[in-house]
Amino acid sequence: MTFLYKLVNREHSNLFDLSALLINAFVYFGESYRLVSVPYGKEWAAVVTLGLALFYSLHVF
């Protein structure tokens, strides 16, 4: 949401925006890993990891 706001308003991102994005990534990964790996195994947790890698790679472009 932070990057979408900055993109729409044509503002540059700052360190606070980057830290919010990283904290969000760590929290999301931790919770999704716990929710996926327990019932389905660690192999499916890798799918979550690849999805997050794709999502945040698109932020770079």
N, C-alpha and C. Protein backbone atom coordinates (compact mmCIF):
# COMPACT_ATOMS: atom_id res chain seq x y z
N MET A 1 0.81 -1.18 0.00
CA MET A 1 0.00 0.00 0.00
C MET A 1 0.87 1.26 0.00
N THR A 2 1.98 1.19 0.68
CA THR A 2 2.86 2.35 0.76
C THR A 2 3.39 2.73 -0.61
N PHE A 3 3.84 1.73 -1.37
CA PHE A 3 4.38 2.03 -2.68
C PHE A 3 3.30 2.47 -3.65
N LEU A 4 2.11 1.93 -3.53
CA LEU A 4 1.01 2.36 -4.37
C LEU A 4 0.67 3.82 -4.10
N TYR A 5 0.64 4.21 -2.84
CA TYR A 5 0.38 5.60 -2.48
C TYR A 5 1.45 6.51 -3.07
N LYS A 6 2.71 6.12 -2.93
CA LYS A 6 3.81 6.94 -3.45
C LYS A 6 3.77 7.01 -4.97
N LEU A 7 3.40 5.93 -5.61
CA LEU A 7 3.33 5.89 -7.07
C LEU A 7 2.21 6.80 -7.59
N VAL A 8 1.06 6.72 -6.97
CA VAL A 8 -0.08 7.54 -7.40
C VAL A 8 0.20 9.02 -7.18
N ASN A 9 0.81 9.37 -6.07
CA ASN A 9 1.09 10.77 -5.75
C ASN A 9 2.43 11.25 -6.30
N ARG A 10 3.11 10.39 -7.02
CA ARG A 10 4.41 10.71 -7.64
C ARG A 10 5.41 11.27 -6.64
N GLU A 11 5.54 10.56 -5.52
CA GLU A 11 6.51 10.91 -4.49
C GLU A 11 7.60 9.85 -4.45
N HIS A 12 8.77 10.23 -3.97
CA HIS A 12 9.87 9.28 -3.83
C HIS A 12 9.73 8.51 -2.52
N SER A 13 10.15 7.27 -2.53
CA SER A 13 10.15 6.46 -1.32
C SER A 13 11.31 6.86 -0.43
N ASN A 14 11.16 6.65 0.86
CA ASN A 14 12.23 6.96 1.80
C ASN A 14 12.53 5.72 2.65
N LEU A 15 13.40 5.89 3.62
CA LEU A 15 13.83 4.77 4.46
C LEU A 15 12.67 4.22 5.28
N PHE A 16 11.76 5.06 5.71
CA PHE A 16 10.60 4.60 6.47
C PHE A 16 9.74 3.66 5.62
N ASP A 17 9.55 4.00 4.36
CA ASP A 17 8.76 3.15 3.45
C ASP A 17 9.41 1.80 3.26
N LEU A 18 10.71 1.79 3.09
CA LEU A 18 11.45 0.54 2.92
C LEU A 18 11.38 -0.32 4.17
N SER A 19 11.52 0.30 5.34
CA SER A 19 11.45 -0.47 6.58
C SER A 19 10.04 -1.04 6.80
N ALA A 20 9.01 -0.28 6.44
CA ALA A 20 7.64 -0.80 6.56
C ALA A 20 7.45 -1.99 5.63
N LEU A 21 8.00 -1.93 4.45
CA LEU A 21 7.90 -3.04 3.50
C LEU A 21 8.63 -4.27 4.01
N LEU A 22 9.81 -4.10 4.58
CA LEU A 22 10.58 -5.24 5.09
C LEU A 22 9.91 -5.87 6.32
N ILE A 23 9.40 -5.05 7.21
CA ILE A 23 8.71 -5.58 8.38
C ILE A 23 7.47 -6.36 7.96
N ASN A 24 6.75 -5.82 7.00
CA ASN A 24 5.57 -6.51 6.48
C ASN A 24 5.96 -7.85 5.86
N ALA A 25 7.05 -7.89 5.12
CA ALA A 25 7.50 -9.13 4.49
C ALA A 25 7.86 -10.18 5.54
N PHE A 26 8.57 -9.78 6.58
CA PHE A 26 8.98 -10.73 7.61
C PHE A 26 7.78 -11.27 8.39
N VAL A 27 6.85 -10.41 8.73
CA VAL A 27 5.67 -10.85 9.47
C VAL A 27 4.82 -11.76 8.61
N TYR A 28 4.60 -11.38 7.36
CA TYR A 28 3.78 -12.19 6.46
C TYR A 28 4.42 -13.56 6.23
N PHE A 29 5.73 -13.58 5.98
CA PHE A 29 6.40 -14.85 5.75
C PHE A 29 6.34 -15.74 6.98
N GLY A 30 6.59 -15.16 8.15
CA GLY A 30 6.56 -15.96 9.38
C GLY A 30 5.21 -16.61 9.63
N GLU A 31 4.16 -15.84 9.47
CA GLU A 31 2.82 -16.38 9.70
C GLU A 31 2.42 -17.37 8.61
N SER A 32 2.71 -17.05 7.36
CA SER A 32 2.32 -17.97 6.29
C SER A 32 3.14 -19.26 6.35
N TYR A 33 4.40 -19.17 6.75
CA TYR A 33 5.20 -20.38 6.91
C TYR A 33 4.60 -21.29 7.98
N ARG A 34 4.20 -20.68 9.09
CA ARG A 34 3.60 -21.45 10.18
C ARG A 34 2.27 -22.07 9.75
N LEU A 35 1.47 -21.32 9.03
CA LEU A 35 0.15 -21.81 8.61
C LEU A 35 0.23 -22.87 7.53
N VAL A 36 1.24 -22.79 6.66
CA VAL A 36 1.34 -23.73 5.54
C VAL A 36 2.16 -24.95 5.90
N SER A 37 3.27 -24.79 6.60
CA SER A 37 4.18 -25.91 6.83
C SER A 37 3.61 -26.96 7.78
N VAL A 38 2.80 -26.54 8.74
CA VAL A 38 2.25 -27.51 9.69
C VAL A 38 1.30 -28.49 9.01
N PRO A 39 0.27 -28.03 8.30
CA PRO A 39 -0.65 -29.01 7.70
C PRO A 39 -0.15 -29.63 6.38
N TYR A 40 0.67 -28.89 5.61
CA TYR A 40 1.02 -29.36 4.27
C TYR A 40 2.49 -29.74 4.10
N GLY A 41 3.35 -29.36 4.98
CA GLY A 41 4.77 -29.69 4.89
C GLY A 41 5.60 -28.53 4.38
N LYS A 42 6.89 -28.67 4.55
CA LYS A 42 7.81 -27.60 4.19
C LYS A 42 7.92 -27.38 2.68
N GLU A 43 7.57 -28.39 1.89
CA GLU A 43 7.63 -28.23 0.44
C GLU A 43 6.67 -27.14 -0.03
N TRP A 44 5.48 -27.09 0.56
CA TRP A 44 4.50 -26.08 0.17
C TRP A 44 4.83 -24.71 0.75
N ALA A 45 5.60 -24.68 1.81
CA ALA A 45 6.07 -23.40 2.33
C ALA A 45 7.04 -22.76 1.34
N ALA A 46 7.71 -23.58 0.54
CA ALA A 46 8.59 -23.05 -0.50
C ALA A 46 7.80 -22.32 -1.56
N VAL A 47 6.58 -22.75 -1.82
CA VAL A 47 5.73 -22.07 -2.80
C VAL A 47 5.40 -20.66 -2.30
N VAL A 48 5.15 -20.54 -1.01
CA VAL A 48 4.91 -19.22 -0.42
C VAL A 48 6.15 -18.35 -0.58
N THR A 49 7.31 -18.92 -0.34
CA THR A 49 8.56 -18.18 -0.46
C THR A 49 8.77 -17.70 -1.89
N LEU A 50 8.52 -18.55 -2.86
CA LEU A 50 8.67 -18.15 -4.25
C LEU A 50 7.66 -17.08 -4.65
N GLY A 51 6.47 -17.19 -4.14
CA GLY A 51 5.46 -16.17 -4.40
C GLY A 51 5.87 -14.81 -3.83
N LEU A 52 6.40 -14.82 -2.62
CA LEU A 52 6.87 -13.57 -2.03
C LEU A 52 8.06 -13.00 -2.79
N ALA A 53 8.95 -13.86 -3.24
CA ALA A 53 10.09 -13.40 -4.02
C ALA A 53 9.63 -12.74 -5.32
N LEU A 54 8.65 -13.32 -5.97
CA LEU A 54 8.10 -12.73 -7.19
C LEU A 54 7.42 -11.40 -6.89
N PHE A 55 6.63 -11.36 -5.83
CA PHE A 55 5.91 -10.14 -5.46
C PHE A 55 6.87 -8.99 -5.19
N TYR A 56 7.91 -9.24 -4.40
CA TYR A 56 8.84 -8.16 -4.06
C TYR A 56 9.82 -7.86 -5.19
N SER A 57 10.04 -8.81 -6.08
CA SER A 57 10.84 -8.52 -7.27
C SER A 57 10.10 -7.56 -8.19
N LEU A 58 8.78 -7.69 -8.25
CA LEU A 58 7.99 -6.77 -9.06
C LEU A 58 8.03 -5.35 -8.49
N HIS A 59 8.23 -5.22 -7.18
CA HIS A 59 8.39 -3.89 -6.59
C HIS A 59 9.65 -3.20 -7.12
N VAL A 60 10.67 -3.98 -7.39
CA VAL A 60 11.92 -3.41 -7.87
C VAL A 60 11.73 -2.81 -9.25
N PHE A 61 10.96 -3.50 -10.08
CA PHE A 61 10.76 -3.02 -11.45
C PHE A 61 9.70 -1.95 -11.48
